[in-house]
């Protein structure tokens, strides 16, 4: 269950950040509300995952790293922002780093 909460936190944070990008460029206040709901939901789910026993280093590391990678990929698709080879290498390193954090947390 804690892993589903973490996935929910990641997806909510990504949605909130993408909504923020949209709000800034469209100047529509409704997108700021979507941003706020996304961030509140993300922190709520993250807190619930921690409450169920997930280590903060694992939770925060995966949450932040996965968010960065997903936002970079989604902004390429949704906003046609660049996704260079160096950025793709960085996403690969993020994946490797998250894997190392997860494997290092196993007792």
PDB file of N, CA and C in Angstrom:
ATOM      1  N   UNK A   1       0.812  -1.199   0.000  1.00  0.00           N
ATOM      2  CA  UNK A   1       0.000   0.000   0.000  1.00  0.00           C
ATOM      3  C   UNK A   1       0.859   1.268   0.000  1.00  0.00           C
ATOM      4  N   UNK A   2       1.981   1.222   0.753  1.00  0.00           N
ATOM      5  CA  UNK A   2       2.817   2.421   0.812  1.00  0.00           C
ATOM      6  C   UNK A   2       3.410   2.750  -0.557  1.00  0.00           C
ATOM      7  N   UNK A   3       3.660   1.713  -1.371  1.00  0.00           N
ATOM      8  CA  UNK A   3       4.202   1.971  -2.712  1.00  0.00           C
ATOM      9  C   UNK A   3       3.157   2.627  -3.611  1.00  0.00           C
ATOM     10  N   UNK A   4       1.906   2.239  -3.474  1.00  0.00           N
ATOM     11  CA  UNK A   4       0.832   2.886  -4.236  1.00  0.00           C
ATOM     12  C   UNK A   4       0.679   4.342  -3.813  1.00  0.00           C
ATOM     13  N   UNK A   5       0.833   4.598  -2.539  1.00  0.00           N
ATOM     14  CA  UNK A   5       0.781   5.979  -2.056  1.00  0.00           C
ATOM     15  C   UNK A   5       1.932   6.798  -2.627  1.00  0.00           C
ATOM     16  N   UNK A   6       3.110   6.196  -2.696  1.00  0.00           N
ATOM     17  CA  UNK A   6       4.255   6.904  -3.267  1.00  0.00           C
ATOM     18  C   UNK A   6       4.026   7.186  -4.749  1.00  0.00           C
ATOM     19  N   UNK A   7       3.508   6.219  -5.491  1.00  0.00           N
ATOM     20  CA  UNK A   7       3.191   6.446  -6.906  1.00  0.00           C
ATOM     21  C   UNK A   7       2.163   7.565  -7.032  1.00  0.00           C
ATOM     22  N   UNK A   8       1.154   7.563  -6.175  1.00  0.00           N
ATOM     23  CA  UNK A   8       0.166   8.637  -6.182  1.00  0.00           C
ATOM     24  C   UNK A   8       0.799   9.987  -5.914  1.00  0.00           C
ATOM     25  N   UNK A   9       1.733  10.032  -4.963  1.00  0.00           N
ATOM     26  CA  UNK A   9       2.438  11.279  -4.652  1.00  0.00           C
ATOM     27  C   UNK A   9       3.243  11.766  -5.853  1.00  0.00           C
ATOM     28  N   UNK A  10       3.894  10.853  -6.531  1.00  0.00           N
ATOM     29  CA  UNK A  10       4.691  11.217  -7.710  1.00  0.00           C
ATOM     30  C   UNK A  10       3.790  11.768  -8.803  1.00  0.00           C
ATOM     31  N   UNK A  11       2.718  11.057  -9.106  1.00  0.00           N
ATOM     32  CA  UNK A  11       1.824  11.488 -10.188  1.00  0.00           C
ATOM     33  C   UNK A  11       1.137  12.812  -9.864  1.00  0.00           C
ATOM     34  N   UNK A  12       0.768  13.008  -8.603  1.00  0.00           N
ATOM     35  CA  UNK A  12       0.137  14.272  -8.206  1.00  0.00           C
ATOM     36  C   UNK A  12       1.121  15.434  -8.319  1.00  0.00           C
ATOM     37  N   UNK A  13       2.360  15.202  -7.931  1.00  0.00           N
ATOM     38  CA  UNK A  13       3.373  16.261  -8.030  1.00  0.00           C
ATOM     39  C   UNK A  13       3.666  16.600  -9.480  1.00  0.00           C
ATOM     40  N   UNK A  14       3.746  15.589 -10.323  1.00  0.00           N
ATOM     41  CA  UNK A  14       3.974  15.822 -11.754  1.00  0.00           C
ATOM     42  C   UNK A  14       2.804  16.606 -12.334  1.00  0.00           C
ATOM     43  N   UNK A  15       1.582  16.212 -12.011  1.00  0.00           N
ATOM     44  CA  UNK A  15       0.402  16.928 -12.513  1.00  0.00           C
ATOM     45  C   UNK A  15       0.397  18.374 -12.030  1.00  0.00           C
ATOM     46  N   UNK A  16       0.745  18.589 -10.759  1.00  0.00           N
ATOM     47  CA  UNK A  16       0.790  19.943 -10.231  1.00  0.00           C
ATOM     48  C   UNK A  16       1.836  20.809 -10.915  1.00  0.00           C
ATOM     49  N   UNK A  17       2.983  20.243 -11.179  1.00  0.00           N
ATOM     50  CA  UNK A  17       4.055  20.990 -11.837  1.00  0.00           C
ATOM     51  C   UNK A  17       3.704  21.309 -13.288  1.00  0.00           C
ATOM     52  N   UNK A  18       3.132  20.342 -13.984  1.00  0.00           N
ATOM     53  CA  UNK A  18       2.713  20.590 -15.370  1.00  0.00           C
ATOM     54  C   UNK A  18       1.592  21.637 -15.406  1.00  0.00           C
ATOM     55  N   UNK A  19       0.695  21.605 -14.432  1.00  0.00           N
ATOM     56  CA  UNK A  19      -0.360  22.611 -14.348  1.00  0.00           C
ATOM     57  C   UNK A  19       0.239  23.992 -14.078  1.00  0.00           C
ATOM     58  N   UNK A  20       1.287  24.047 -13.267  1.00  0.00           N
ATOM     59  CA  UNK A  20       1.955  25.325 -12.994  1.00  0.00           C
ATOM     60  C   UNK A  20       2.558  25.900 -14.265  1.00  0.00           C
ATOM     61  N   UNK A  21       3.191  25.057 -15.040  1.00  0.00           N
ATOM     62  CA  UNK A  21       3.756  25.499 -16.330  1.00  0.00           C
ATOM     63  C   UNK A  21       2.654  26.065 -17.216  1.00  0.00           C
ATOM     64  N   UNK A  22       1.505  25.402 -17.249  1.00  0.00           N
ATOM     65  CA  UNK A  22       0.377  25.864 -18.045  1.00  0.00           C
ATOM     66  C   UNK A  22      -0.171  27.176 -17.493  1.00  0.00           C
ATOM     67  N   UNK A  23      -0.283  27.282 -16.181  1.00  0.00           N
ATOM     68  CA  UNK A  23      -0.808  28.492 -15.551  1.00  0.00           C
ATOM     69  C   UNK A  23       0.046  29.708 -15.880  1.00  0.00           C
ATOM     70  N   UNK A  24       1.343  29.548 -15.833  1.00  0.00           N
ATOM     71  CA  UNK A  24       2.254  30.659 -16.097  1.00  0.00           C
ATOM     72  C   UNK A  24       2.112  31.149 -17.535  1.00  0.00           C
ATOM     73  N   UNK A  25       1.925  30.231 -18.463  1.00  0.00           N
ATOM     74  CA  UNK A  25       1.877  30.618 -19.876  1.00  0.00           C
ATOM     75  C   UNK A  25       0.489  31.017 -20.368  1.00  0.00           C
ATOM     76  N   UNK A  26      -0.561  30.559 -19.718  1.00  0.00           N
ATOM     77  CA  UNK A  26      -1.910  30.916 -20.171  1.00  0.00           C
ATOM     78  C   UNK A  26      -2.518  32.036 -19.351  1.00  0.00           C
ATOM     79  N   UNK A  27      -1.964  32.291 -18.163  1.00  0.00           N
ATOM     80  CA  UNK A  27      -2.470  33.314 -17.244  1.00  0.00           C
ATOM     81  C   UNK A  27      -3.900  33.028 -16.783  1.00  0.00           C
ATOM     82  N   UNK A  28      -4.287  31.769 -16.792  1.00  0.00           N
ATOM     83  CA  UNK A  28      -5.617  31.385 -16.320  1.00  0.00           C
ATOM     84  C   UNK A  28      -5.495  30.903 -14.883  1.00  0.00           C
ATOM     85  N   UNK A  29      -6.239  31.535 -14.004  1.00  0.00           N
ATOM     86  CA  UNK A  29      -6.119  31.246 -12.579  1.00  0.00           C
ATOM     87  C   UNK A  29      -6.584  29.841 -12.222  1.00  0.00           C
ATOM     88  N   UNK A  30      -7.436  29.237 -13.020  1.00  0.00           N
ATOM     89  CA  UNK A  30      -7.897  27.878 -12.713  1.00  0.00           C
ATOM     90  C   UNK A  30      -6.734  26.899 -12.675  1.00  0.00           C
ATOM     91  N   UNK A  31      -5.728  27.127 -13.496  1.00  0.00           N
ATOM     92  CA  UNK A  31      -4.573  26.229 -13.507  1.00  0.00           C
ATOM     93  C   UNK A  31      -3.777  26.325 -12.209  1.00  0.00           C
ATOM     94  N   UNK A  32      -3.803  27.500 -11.565  1.00  0.00           N
ATOM     95  CA  UNK A  32      -3.137  27.614 -10.262  1.00  0.00           C
ATOM     96  C   UNK A  32      -3.844  26.764  -9.219  1.00  0.00           C
ATOM     97  N   UNK A  33      -5.169  26.671  -9.318  1.00  0.00           N
ATOM     98  CA  UNK A  33      -5.922  25.807  -8.409  1.00  0.00           C
ATOM     99  C   UNK A  33      -5.545  24.347  -8.629  1.00  0.00           C
ATOM    100  N   UNK A  34      -5.409  23.946  -9.886  1.00  0.00           N
ATOM    101  CA  UNK A  34      -4.987  22.573 -10.196  1.00  0.00           C
ATOM    102  C   UNK A  34      -3.591  22.328  -9.624  1.00  0.00           C
ATOM    103  N   UNK A  35      -2.728  23.318  -9.741  1.00  0.00           N
ATOM    104  CA  UNK A  35      -1.378  23.212  -9.183  1.00  0.00           C
ATOM    105  C   UNK A  35      -1.429  22.993  -7.674  1.00  0.00           C
ATOM    106  N   UNK A  36      -2.218  23.799  -6.988  1.00  0.00           N
ATOM    107  CA  UNK A  36      -2.323  23.693  -5.530  1.00  0.00           C
ATOM    108  C   UNK A  36      -2.871  22.323  -5.112  1.00  0.00           C
ATOM    109  N   UNK A  37      -3.905  21.869  -5.797  1.00  0.00           N
ATOM    110  CA  UNK A  37      -4.482  20.556  -5.480  1.00  0.00           C
ATOM    111  C   UNK A  37      -3.448  19.458  -5.725  1.00  0.00           C
ATOM    112  N   UNK A  38      -2.694  19.574  -6.806  1.00  0.00           N
ATOM    113  CA  UNK A  38      -1.662  18.577  -7.102  1.00  0.00           C
ATOM    114  C   UNK A  38      -0.605  18.505  -6.015  1.00  0.00           C
ATOM    115  N   UNK A  39      -0.130  19.665  -5.565  1.00  0.00           N
ATOM    116  CA  UNK A  39       0.911  19.672  -4.543  1.00  0.00           C
ATOM    117  C   UNK A  39       0.386  19.213  -3.186  1.00  0.00           C
ATOM    118  N   UNK A  40      -0.805  19.652  -2.812  1.00  0.00           N
ATOM    119  CA  UNK A  40      -1.383  19.212  -1.539  1.00  0.00           C
ATOM    120  C   UNK A  40      -1.590  17.700  -1.559  1.00  0.00           C
ATOM    121  N   UNK A  41      -2.100  17.188  -2.671  1.00  0.00           N
ATOM    122  CA  UNK A  41      -2.294  15.741  -2.810  1.00  0.00           C
ATOM    123  C   UNK A  41      -0.969  15.007  -2.740  1.00  0.00           C
ATOM    124  N   UNK A  42       0.043  15.535  -3.415  1.00  0.00           N
ATOM    125  CA  UNK A  42       1.365  14.897  -3.419  1.00  0.00           C
ATOM    126  C   UNK A  42       1.927  14.793  -2.008  1.00  0.00           C
ATOM    127  N   UNK A  43       1.884  15.890  -1.254  1.00  0.00           N
ATOM    128  CA  UNK A  43       2.438  15.863   0.101  1.00  0.00           C
ATOM    129  C   UNK A  43       1.598  14.995   1.033  1.00  0.00           C
ATOM    130  N   UNK A  44       0.296  14.961   0.806  1.00  0.00           N
ATOM    131  CA  UNK A  44      -0.560  14.098   1.620  1.00  0.00           C
ATOM    132  C   UNK A  44      -0.212  12.633   1.392  1.00  0.00           C
ATOM    133  N   UNK A  45      -0.116  12.235   0.127  1.00  0.00           N
ATOM    134  CA  UNK A  45       0.228  10.839  -0.187  1.00  0.00           C
ATOM    135  C   UNK A  45       1.631  10.492   0.293  1.00  0.00           C
ATOM    136  N   UNK A  46       2.560  11.433   0.162  1.00  0.00           N
ATOM    137  CA  UNK A  46       3.917  11.188   0.639  1.00  0.00           C
ATOM    138  C   UNK A  46       3.914  10.990   2.155  1.00  0.00           C
ATOM    139  N   UNK A  47       3.176  11.820   2.865  1.00  0.00           N
ATOM    140  CA  UNK A  47       3.082  11.683   4.317  1.00  0.00           C
ATOM    141  C   UNK A  47       2.455  10.350   4.704  1.00  0.00           C
ATOM    142  N   UNK A  48       1.442   9.930   3.970  1.00  0.00           N
ATOM    143  CA  UNK A  48       0.795   8.641   4.265  1.00  0.00           C
ATOM    144  C   UNK A  48       1.749   7.471   4.011  1.00  0.00           C
ATOM    145  N   UNK A  49       2.559   7.574   2.962  1.00  0.00           N
ATOM    146  CA  UNK A  49       3.547   6.521   2.696  1.00  0.00           C
ATOM    147  C   UNK A  49       4.557   6.445   3.841  1.00  0.00           C
ATOM    148  N   UNK A  50       4.991   7.602   4.328  1.00  0.00           N
ATOM    149  CA  UNK A  50       5.925   7.627   5.460  1.00  0.00           C
ATOM    150  C   UNK A  50       5.267   7.075   6.716  1.00  0.00           C
ATOM    151  N   UNK A  51       4.000   7.406   6.913  1.00  0.00           N
ATOM    152  CA  UNK A  51       3.264   6.924   8.075  1.00  0.00           C
ATOM    153  C   UNK A  51       3.133   5.402   8.081  1.00  0.00           C
ATOM    154  N   UNK A  52       3.142   4.810   6.897  1.00  0.00           N
ATOM    155  CA  UNK A  52       3.015   3.357   6.789  1.00  0.00           C
ATOM    156  C   UNK A  52       4.372   2.647   6.829  1.00  0.00           C
ATOM    157  N   UNK A  53       5.425   3.393   7.118  1.00  0.00           N
ATOM    158  CA  UNK A  53       6.710   2.761   7.368  1.00  0.00           C
ATOM    159  C   UNK A  53       7.779   2.931   6.306  1.00  0.00           C
ATOM    160  N   UNK A  54       7.496   3.654   5.240  1.00  0.00           N
ATOM    161  CA  UNK A  54       8.532   3.852   4.216  1.00  0.00           C
ATOM    162  C   UNK A  54       9.603   4.787   4.771  1.00  0.00           C
ATOM    163  N   UNK A  55      10.853   4.439   4.549  1.00  0.00           N
ATOM    164  CA  UNK A  55      11.971   5.280   4.997  1.00  0.00           C
ATOM    165  C   UNK A  55      11.982   6.589   4.226  1.00  0.00           C
ATOM    166  N   UNK A  56      12.259   7.676   4.919  1.00  0.00           N
ATOM    167  CA  UNK A  56      12.214   8.998   4.283  1.00  0.00           C
ATOM    168  C   UNK A  56      13.242   9.135   3.163  1.00  0.00           C
ATOM    169  N   UNK A  57      14.423   8.543   3.340  1.00  0.00           N
ATOM    170  CA  UNK A  57      15.439   8.613   2.290  1.00  0.00           C
ATOM    171  C   UNK A  57      14.995   7.923   1.020  1.00  0.00           C
ATOM    172  N   UNK A  58      14.357   6.795   1.168  1.00  0.00           N
ATOM    173  CA  UNK A  58      13.832   6.053   0.014  1.00  0.00           C
ATOM    174  C   UNK A  58      12.673   6.811  -0.607  1.00  0.00           C
ATOM    175  N   UNK A  59      11.713   7.223   0.235  1.00  0.00           N
ATOM    176  CA  UNK A  59      10.512   7.896  -0.270  1.00  0.00           C
ATOM    177  C   UNK A  59      10.859   9.188  -0.982  1.00  0.00           C
ATOM    178  N   UNK A  60      11.629  10.045  -0.343  1.00  0.00           N
ATOM    179  CA  UNK A  60      11.941  11.336  -0.934  1.00  0.00           C
ATOM    180  C   UNK A  60      12.833  11.180  -2.156  1.00  0.00           C
ATOM    181  N   UNK A  61      13.793  10.280  -2.082  1.00  0.00           N
ATOM    182  CA  UNK A  61      14.678  10.063  -3.230  1.00  0.00           C
ATOM    183  C   UNK A  61      13.919   9.612  -4.456  1.00  0.00           C
ATOM    184  N   UNK A  62      13.048   8.643  -4.287  1.00  0.00           N
ATOM    185  CA  UNK A  62      12.274   8.134  -5.423  1.00  0.00           C
ATOM    186  C   UNK A  62      11.267   9.176  -5.886  1.00  0.00           C
ATOM    187  N   UNK A  63      10.591   9.838  -4.942  1.00  0.00           N
ATOM    188  CA  UNK A  63       9.574  10.844  -5.274  1.00  0.00           C
ATOM    189  C   UNK A  63      10.172  11.987  -6.091  1.00  0.00           C
ATOM    190  N   UNK A  64      11.268  12.526  -5.619  1.00  0.00           N
ATOM    191  CA  UNK A  64      11.859  13.672  -6.315  1.00  0.00           C
ATOM    192  C   UNK A  64      12.503  13.272  -7.636  1.00  0.00           C
ATOM    193  N   UNK A  65      13.207  12.164  -7.655  1.00  0.00           N
ATOM    194  CA  UNK A  65      13.893  11.736  -8.877  1.00  0.00           C
ATOM    195  C   UNK A  65      12.897  11.323  -9.957  1.00  0.00           C
ATOM    196  N   UNK A  66      11.910  10.548  -9.580  1.00  0.00           N
ATOM    197  CA  UNK A  66      10.909  10.126 -10.563  1.00  0.00           C
ATOM    198  C   UNK A  66      10.140  11.331 -11.080  1.00  0.00           C
ATOM    199  N   UNK A  67       9.860  12.287 -10.202  1.00  0.00           N
ATOM    200  CA  UNK A  67       9.169  13.503 -10.630  1.00  0.00           C
ATOM    201  C   UNK A  67       9.965  14.274 -11.665  1.00  0.00           C
ATOM    202  N   UNK A  68      11.245  14.447 -11.431  1.00  0.00           N
ATOM    203  CA  UNK A  68      12.107  15.170 -12.379  1.00  0.00           C
ATOM    204  C   UNK A  68      12.099  14.472 -13.743  1.00  0.00           C
ATOM    205  N   UNK A  69      12.283  13.164 -13.736  1.00  0.00           N
ATOM    206  CA  UNK A  69      12.332  12.411 -14.989  1.00  0.00           C
ATOM    207  C   UNK A  69      10.996  12.470 -15.726  1.00  0.00           C
ATOM    208  N   UNK A  70       9.903  12.250 -15.013  1.00  0.00           N
ATOM    209  CA  UNK A  70       8.586  12.269 -15.658  1.00  0.00           C
ATOM    210  C   UNK A  70       8.212  13.649 -16.180  1.00  0.00           C
ATOM    211  N   UNK A  71       8.574  14.692 -15.450  1.00  0.00           N
ATOM    212  CA  UNK A  71       8.285  16.048 -15.911  1.00  0.00           C
ATOM    213  C   UNK A  71       9.086  16.367 -17.167  1.00  0.00           C
ATOM    214  N   UNK A  72      10.325  15.957 -17.214  1.00  0.00           N
ATOM    215  CA  UNK A  72      11.134  16.189 -18.420  1.00  0.00           C
ATOM    216  C   UNK A  72      10.512  15.491 -19.627  1.00  0.00           C
ATOM    217  N   UNK A  73      10.072  14.243 -19.446  1.00  0.00           N
ATOM    218  CA  UNK A  73       9.453  13.506 -20.555  1.00  0.00           C
ATOM    219  C   UNK A  73       8.103  14.110 -20.942  1.00  0.00           C
ATOM    220  N   UNK A  74       7.293  14.443 -19.954  1.00  0.00           N
ATOM    221  CA  UNK A  74       5.967  14.999 -20.243  1.00  0.00           C
ATOM    222  C   UNK A  74       6.062  16.384 -20.872  1.00  0.00           C
ATOM    223  N   UNK A  75       7.023  17.189 -20.444  1.00  0.00           N
ATOM    224  CA  UNK A  75       7.155  18.531 -21.025  1.00  0.00           C
ATOM    225  C   UNK A  75       7.615  18.458 -22.476  1.00  0.00           C
ATOM    226  N   UNK A  76       8.333  17.412 -22.820  1.00  0.00           N
ATOM    227  CA  UNK A  76       8.703  17.203 -24.228  1.00  0.00           C
ATOM    228  C   UNK A  76       7.451  16.947 -25.057  1.00  0.00           C
ATOM    229  N   UNK A  77       6.582  16.090 -24.554  1.00  0.00           N
ATOM    230  CA  UNK A  77       5.360  15.716 -25.289  1.00  0.00           C
ATOM    231  C   UNK A  77       4.336  16.853 -25.274  1.00  0.00           C
ATOM    232  N   UNK A  78       4.085  17.429 -24.105  1.00  0.00           N
ATOM    233  CA  UNK A  78       3.005  18.410 -23.971  1.00  0.00           C
ATOM    234  C   UNK A  78       3.378  19.812 -24.429  1.00  0.00           C
ATOM    235  N   UNK A  79       4.614  20.216 -24.187  1.00  0.00           N
ATOM    236  CA  UNK A  79       5.018  21.596 -24.448  1.00  0.00           C
ATOM    237  C   UNK A  79       6.114  21.722 -25.492  1.00  0.00           C
ATOM    238  N   UNK A  80       6.509  20.588 -26.057  1.00  0.00           N
ATOM    239  CA  UNK A  80       7.564  20.555 -27.081  1.00  0.00           C
ATOM    240  C   UNK A  80       8.875  21.172 -26.590  1.00  0.00           C
ATOM    241  N   UNK A  81       9.160  20.954 -25.326  1.00  0.00           N
ATOM    242  CA  UNK A  81      10.425  21.423 -24.775  1.00  0.00           C
ATOM    243  C   UNK A  81      11.527  20.451 -25.185  1.00  0.00           C
ATOM    244  N   UNK A  82      12.757  20.909 -25.207  1.00  0.00           N
ATOM    245  CA  UNK A  82      13.847  20.028 -25.658  1.00  0.00           C
ATOM    246  C   UNK A  82      14.085  18.855 -24.714  1.00  0.00           C
ATOM    247  N   UNK A  83      14.512  17.759 -25.305  1.00  0.00           N
ATOM    248  CA  UNK A  83      14.952  16.590 -24.550  1.00  0.00           C
ATOM    249  C   UNK A  83      16.219  16.107 -25.239  1.00  0.00           C
ATOM    250  N   UNK A  84      17.341  16.608 -24.760  1.00  0.00           N
ATOM    251  CA  UNK A  84      18.622  16.358 -25.410  1.00  0.00           C
ATOM    252  C   UNK A  84      19.192  15.007 -24.969  1.00  0.00           C
ATOM    253  N   UNK A  85      20.258  14.618 -25.620  1.00  0.00           N
ATOM    254  CA  UNK A  85      20.939  13.375 -25.246  1.00  0.00           C
ATOM    255  C   UNK A  85      21.481  13.455 -23.820  1.00  0.00           C
ATOM    256  N   UNK A  86      21.972  14.605 -23.456  1.00  0.00           N
ATOM    257  CA  UNK A  86      22.487  14.774 -22.091  1.00  0.00           C
ATOM    258  C   UNK A  86      21.346  14.638 -21.094  1.00  0.00           C
ATOM    259  N   UNK A  87      20.191  15.205 -21.415  1.00  0.00           N
ATOM    260  CA  UNK A  87      19.032  15.067 -20.530  1.00  0.00           C
ATOM    261  C   UNK A  87      18.589  13.609 -20.436  1.00  0.00           C
ATOM    262  N   UNK A  88      18.597  12.897 -21.553  1.00  0.00           N
ATOM    263  CA  UNK A  88      18.227  11.478 -21.531  1.00  0.00           C
ATOM    264  C   UNK A  88      19.228  10.672 -20.707  1.00  0.00           C
ATOM    265  N   UNK A  89      20.513  11.028 -20.808  1.00  0.00           N
ATOM    266  CA  UNK A  89      21.525  10.390 -19.964  1.00  0.00           C
ATOM    267  C   UNK A  89      21.221  10.657 -18.495  1.00  0.00           C
ATOM    268  N   UNK A  90      20.845  11.893 -18.190  1.00  0.00           N
ATOM    269  CA  UNK A  90      20.482  12.247 -16.816  1.00  0.00           C
ATOM    270  C   UNK A  90      19.304  11.433 -16.311  1.00  0.00           C
ATOM    271  N   UNK A  91      18.300  11.218 -17.166  1.00  0.00           N
ATOM    272  CA  UNK A  91      17.149  10.399 -16.781  1.00  0.00           C
ATOM    273  C   UNK A  91      17.608   8.967 -16.503  1.00  0.00           C
ATOM    274  N   UNK A  92      18.505   8.465 -17.319  1.00  0.00           N
ATOM    275  CA  UNK A  92      19.062   7.127 -17.081  1.00  0.00           C
ATOM    276  C   UNK A  92      19.806   7.061 -15.753  1.00  0.00           C
ATOM    277  N   UNK A  93      20.552   8.106 -15.438  1.00  0.00           N
ATOM    278  CA  UNK A  93      21.264   8.157 -14.163  1.00  0.00           C
ATOM    279  C   UNK A  93      20.296   8.256 -12.988  1.00  0.00           C
ATOM    280  N   UNK A  94      19.195   8.979 -13.183  1.00  0.00           N
ATOM    281  CA  UNK A  94      18.167   9.053 -12.145  1.00  0.00           C
ATOM    282  C   UNK A  94      17.611   7.663 -11.873  1.00  0.00           C
ATOM    283  N   UNK A  95      17.307   6.941 -12.929  1.00  0.00           N
ATOM    284  CA  UNK A  95      16.777   5.578 -12.776  1.00  0.00           C
ATOM    285  C   UNK A  95      17.784   4.707 -12.034  1.00  0.00           C
ATOM    286  N   UNK A  96      19.056   4.812 -12.413  1.00  0.00           N
ATOM    287  CA  UNK A  96      20.094   4.031 -11.734  1.00  0.00           C
ATOM    288  C   UNK A  96      20.218   4.438 -10.267  1.00  0.00           C
ATOM    289  N   UNK A  97      20.126   5.731  -9.997  1.00  0.00           N
ATOM    290  CA  UNK A  97      20.223   6.213  -8.628  1.00  0.00           C
ATOM    291  C   UNK A  97      19.067   5.735  -7.769  1.00  0.00           C
ATOM    292  N   UNK A  98      17.860   5.780  -8.320  1.00  0.00           N
ATOM    293  CA  UNK A  98      16.692   5.290  -7.583  1.00  0.00           C
ATOM    294  C   UNK A  98      16.841   3.799  -7.295  1.00  0.00           C
ATOM    295  N   UNK A  99      17.329   3.062  -8.268  1.00  0.00           N
ATOM    296  CA  UNK A  99      17.548   1.630  -8.068  1.00  0.00           C
ATOM    297  C   UNK A  99      18.570   1.404  -6.952  1.00  0.00           C
ATOM    298  N   UNK A 100      19.644   2.174  -6.939  1.00  0.00           N
ATOM    299  CA  UNK A 100      20.650   2.033  -5.883  1.00  0.00           C
ATOM    300  C   UNK A 100      20.069   2.370  -4.506  1.00  0.00           C
ATOM    301  N   UNK A 101      19.238   3.413  -4.447  1.00  0.00           N
ATOM    302  CA  UNK A 101      18.607   3.757  -3.173  1.00  0.00           C
ATOM    303  C   UNK A 101      17.713   2.624  -2.686  1.00  0.00           C
ATOM    304  N   UNK A 102      16.925   2.086  -3.588  1.00  0.00           N
ATOM    305  CA  UNK A 102      16.002   1.015  -3.220  1.00  0.00           C
ATOM    306  C   UNK A 102      16.768  -0.238  -2.806  1.00  0.00           C
ATOM    307  N   UNK A 103      17.774  -0.619  -3.561  1.00  0.00           N
ATOM    308  CA  UNK A 103      18.545  -1.817  -3.222  1.00  0.00           C
ATOM    309  C   UNK A 103      19.328  -1.617  -1.931  1.00  0.00           C
ATOM    310  N   UNK A 104      19.782  -0.405  -1.697  1.00  0.00           N
ATOM    311  CA  UNK A 104      20.519  -0.117  -0.471  1.00  0.00           C
ATOM    312  C   UNK A 104      19.635  -0.121   0.764  1.00  0.00           C
ATOM    313  N   UNK A 105      18.346   0.052   0.577  1.00  0.00           N
ATOM    314  CA  UNK A 105      17.417   0.077   1.715  1.00  0.00           C
ATOM    315  C   UNK A 105      16.992  -1.322   2.142  1.00  0.00           C
ATOM    316  N   UNK A 106      17.250  -2.311   1.301  1.00  0.00           N
ATOM    317  CA  UNK A 106      16.858  -3.689   1.631  1.00  0.00           C
ATOM    318  C   UNK A 106      17.803  -4.215   2.695  1.00  0.00           C
ATOM    319  N   UNK A 107      17.245  -4.795   3.727  1.00  0.00           N
ATOM    320  CA  UNK A 107      18.079  -5.282   4.841  1.00  0.00           C
ATOM    321  C   UNK A 107      18.493  -6.699   4.595  1.00  0.00           C
TER     322      UNK A 107
END
